[in-house]
Amino acid sequence: MTAPAPPPRKDRRPWLVHVPFVVVMALVALGGLRIGMYHWRQGATLIGGALLTAAVLRGVLSDARAGLLAIRGRAVDVITYTTFSALILFVALTITRGPGV
């Protein structure tokens, strides 16, 4: 008679998979706070930076470790995050009139 197979190993910290998403959302929340304080350029720059952070994290982390940042395929996610980041940063950094400095 053979010995029974050991039970499958469970990850001891399954919540760690959500840390990249929490980091990105914290940056977005900080950007929203700055926008709410009438510093919209700084807030929009923070949101653009958050999307760029999401693109880097999605590109570096595996699908299993990316958590909620993984929406579609890796290439589609990275291209989408980078495009939206570039558009938001372009708008935030090129508009010169108004009280957003």
C-alpha atoms as a PDB file:
ATOM      1  CA  MET A   1       0.000   0.000   0.000  1.00  0.00           C
ATOM      2  CA  THR A   2       1.297   3.466  -0.911  1.00  0.00           C
ATOM      3  CA  ALA A   3       1.244   6.484   1.319  1.00  0.00           C
ATOM      4  CA  PRO A   4      -1.499   9.016   0.609  1.00  0.00           C
ATOM      5  CA  ALA A   5      -0.512  12.081  -1.362  1.00  0.00           C
ATOM      6  CA  PRO A   6       0.073  15.192   0.707  1.00  0.00           C
ATOM      7  CA  PRO A   7      -2.713  17.762   0.565  1.00  0.00           C
ATOM      8  CA  PRO A   8      -2.213  20.571  -1.956  1.00  0.00           C
ATOM      9  CA  ARG A   9      -0.240  23.473  -0.570  1.00  0.00           C
ATOM     10  CA  LYS A  10      -2.365  26.506   0.077  1.00  0.00           C
ATOM     11  CA  ASP A  11      -0.875  29.937  -0.245  1.00  0.00           C
ATOM     12  CA  ARG A  12      -0.558  31.393   3.222  1.00  0.00           C
ATOM     13  CA  ARG A  13      -1.074  34.950   2.060  1.00  0.00           C
ATOM     14  CA  PRO A  14      -3.661  35.006  -0.733  1.00  0.00           C
ATOM     15  CA  TRP A  15      -4.349  38.697  -0.129  1.00  0.00           C
ATOM     16  CA  LEU A  16      -0.863  39.606  -1.403  1.00  0.00           C
ATOM     17  CA  VAL A  17      -2.114  39.166  -4.956  1.00  0.00           C
ATOM     18  CA  HIS A  18      -4.215  42.321  -4.490  1.00  0.00           C
ATOM     19  CA  VAL A  19      -1.349  44.569  -3.326  1.00  0.00           C
ATOM     20  CA  PRO A  20      -0.509  45.892  -6.838  1.00  0.00           C
ATOM     21  CA  PHE A  21      -4.131  46.935  -7.360  1.00  0.00           C
ATOM     22  CA  VAL A  22      -4.248  48.585  -3.925  1.00  0.00           C
ATOM     23  CA  VAL A  23      -1.079  50.559  -4.722  1.00  0.00           C
ATOM     24  CA  VAL A  24      -2.551  51.813  -8.006  1.00  0.00           C
ATOM     25  CA  MET A  25      -5.880  52.695  -6.385  1.00  0.00           C
ATOM     26  CA  ALA A  26      -4.109  54.540  -3.544  1.00  0.00           C
ATOM     27  CA  LEU A  27      -2.353  56.711  -6.136  1.00  0.00           C
ATOM     28  CA  VAL A  28      -5.668  57.330  -7.902  1.00  0.00           C
ATOM     29  CA  ALA A  29      -7.295  58.279  -4.581  1.00  0.00           C
ATOM     30  CA  LEU A  30      -4.438  60.674  -3.826  1.00  0.00           C
ATOM     31  CA  GLY A  31      -4.880  62.192  -7.293  1.00  0.00           C
ATOM     32  CA  GLY A  32      -8.609  62.555  -6.681  1.00  0.00           C
ATOM     33  CA  LEU A  33      -7.883  64.262  -3.378  1.00  0.00           C
ATOM     34  CA  ARG A  34      -5.547  66.735  -5.084  1.00  0.00           C
ATOM     35  CA  ILE A  35      -8.195  67.411  -7.743  1.00  0.00           C
ATOM     36  CA  GLY A  36     -10.722  67.997  -4.960  1.00  0.00           C
ATOM     37  CA  MET A  37      -8.329  70.543  -3.457  1.00  0.00           C
ATOM     38  CA  TYR A  38      -8.394  72.461  -6.781  1.00  0.00           C
ATOM     39  CA  HIS A  39      -4.922  71.294  -7.821  1.00  0.00           C
ATOM     40  CA  TRP A  40      -6.252  69.461 -10.864  1.00  0.00           C
ATOM     41  CA  ARG A  41      -2.951  69.389 -12.735  1.00  0.00           C
ATOM     42  CA  GLN A  42      -1.177  67.655  -9.873  1.00  0.00           C
ATOM     43  CA  GLY A  43      -4.120  65.306  -9.402  1.00  0.00           C
ATOM     44  CA  ALA A  44      -4.305  64.411 -13.077  1.00  0.00           C
ATOM     45  CA  THR A  45      -0.546  63.846 -13.125  1.00  0.00           C
ATOM     46  CA  LEU A  46      -0.883  61.488 -10.157  1.00  0.00           C
ATOM     47  CA  ILE A  47      -3.661  59.575 -11.919  1.00  0.00           C
ATOM     48  CA  GLY A  48      -1.558  59.338 -15.072  1.00  0.00           C
ATOM     49  CA  GLY A  49       1.333  58.117 -12.950  1.00  0.00           C
ATOM     50  CA  ALA A  50      -0.951  55.545 -11.335  1.00  0.00           C
ATOM     51  CA  LEU A  51      -1.878  54.192 -14.759  1.00  0.00           C
ATOM     52  CA  LEU A  52       1.772  54.088 -15.746  1.00  0.00           C
ATOM     53  CA  THR A  53       2.491  52.204 -12.518  1.00  0.00           C
ATOM     54  CA  ALA A  54      -0.303  49.780 -13.420  1.00  0.00           C
ATOM     55  CA  ALA A  55       1.274  49.248 -16.847  1.00  0.00           C
ATOM     56  CA  VAL A  56       4.692  48.506 -15.341  1.00  0.00           C
ATOM     57  CA  LEU A  57       3.270  46.178 -12.695  1.00  0.00           C
ATOM     58  CA  ARG A  58       1.131  44.354 -15.255  1.00  0.00           C
ATOM     59  CA  GLY A  59       4.130  43.945 -17.531  1.00  0.00           C
ATOM     60  CA  VAL A  60       6.430  42.664 -14.798  1.00  0.00           C
ATOM     61  CA  LEU A  61       4.124  40.463 -12.728  1.00  0.00           C
ATOM     62  CA  SER A  62       2.770  37.099 -13.821  1.00  0.00           C
ATOM     63  CA  ASP A  63      -0.935  36.694 -14.486  1.00  0.00           C
ATOM     64  CA  ALA A  64      -1.378  34.976 -11.121  1.00  0.00           C
ATOM     65  CA  ARG A  65       0.437  37.753  -9.235  1.00  0.00           C
ATOM     66  CA  ALA A  66      -1.109  40.716 -11.082  1.00  0.00           C
ATOM     67  CA  GLY A  67      -4.461  40.194  -9.379  1.00  0.00           C
ATOM     68  CA  LEU A  68      -7.094  42.717 -10.378  1.00  0.00           C
ATOM     69  CA  LEU A  69      -4.715  44.505 -12.746  1.00  0.00           C
ATOM     70  CA  ALA A  70      -5.026  41.552 -15.137  1.00  0.00           C
ATOM     71  CA  ILE A  71      -8.094  42.248 -17.263  1.00  0.00           C
ATOM     72  CA  ARG A  72      -7.239  40.940 -20.721  1.00  0.00           C
ATOM     73  CA  GLY A  73      -3.992  39.591 -22.084  1.00  0.00           C
ATOM     74  CA  ARG A  74      -0.756  41.068 -20.783  1.00  0.00           C
ATOM     75  CA  ALA A  75       0.049  42.954 -23.999  1.00  0.00           C
ATOM     76  CA  VAL A  76      -3.447  44.456 -24.260  1.00  0.00           C
ATOM     77  CA  ASP A  77      -3.395  45.534 -20.613  1.00  0.00           C
ATOM     78  CA  VAL A  78       0.043  47.149 -20.868  1.00  0.00           C
ATOM     79  CA  ILE A  79      -0.845  48.973 -24.095  1.00  0.00           C
ATOM     80  CA  THR A  80      -4.178  50.170 -22.679  1.00  0.00           C
ATOM     81  CA  TYR A  81      -2.727  51.375 -19.374  1.00  0.00           C
ATOM     82  CA  THR A  82       0.157  53.099 -21.146  1.00  0.00           C
ATOM     83  CA  THR A  83      -2.115  54.795 -23.697  1.00  0.00           C
ATOM     84  CA  PHE A  84      -4.513  56.135 -21.084  1.00  0.00           C
ATOM     85  CA  SER A  85      -1.572  57.257 -18.957  1.00  0.00           C
ATOM     86  CA  ALA A  86      -0.004  59.111 -21.884  1.00  0.00           C
ATOM     87  CA  LEU A  87      -3.304  60.821 -22.755  1.00  0.00           C
ATOM     88  CA  ILE A  88      -3.953  61.961 -19.195  1.00  0.00           C
ATOM     89  CA  LEU A  89      -0.370  63.159 -18.728  1.00  0.00           C
ATOM     90  CA  PHE A  90      -0.499  64.976 -22.060  1.00  0.00           C
ATOM     91  CA  VAL A  91      -3.638  66.859 -21.050  1.00  0.00           C
ATOM     92  CA  ALA A  92      -2.339  67.586 -17.542  1.00  0.00           C
ATOM     93  CA  LEU A  93       0.999  68.898 -18.704  1.00  0.00           C
ATOM     94  CA  THR A  94       0.005  70.874 -21.803  1.00  0.00           C
ATOM     95  CA  ILE A  95      -2.973  72.937 -20.687  1.00  0.00           C
ATOM     96  CA  THR A  96      -1.489  76.227 -19.564  1.00  0.00           C
ATOM     97  CA  ARG A  97      -4.492  78.375 -18.648  1.00  0.00           C
ATOM     98  CA  GLY A  98      -6.597  78.033 -15.565  1.00  0.00           C
ATOM     99  CA  PRO A  99      -6.118  77.684 -11.815  1.00  0.00           C
ATOM    100  CA  GLY A 100      -4.588  74.211 -11.781  1.00  0.00           C
ATOM    101  CA  VAL A 101      -0.952  75.013 -11.042  1.00  0.00           C
END
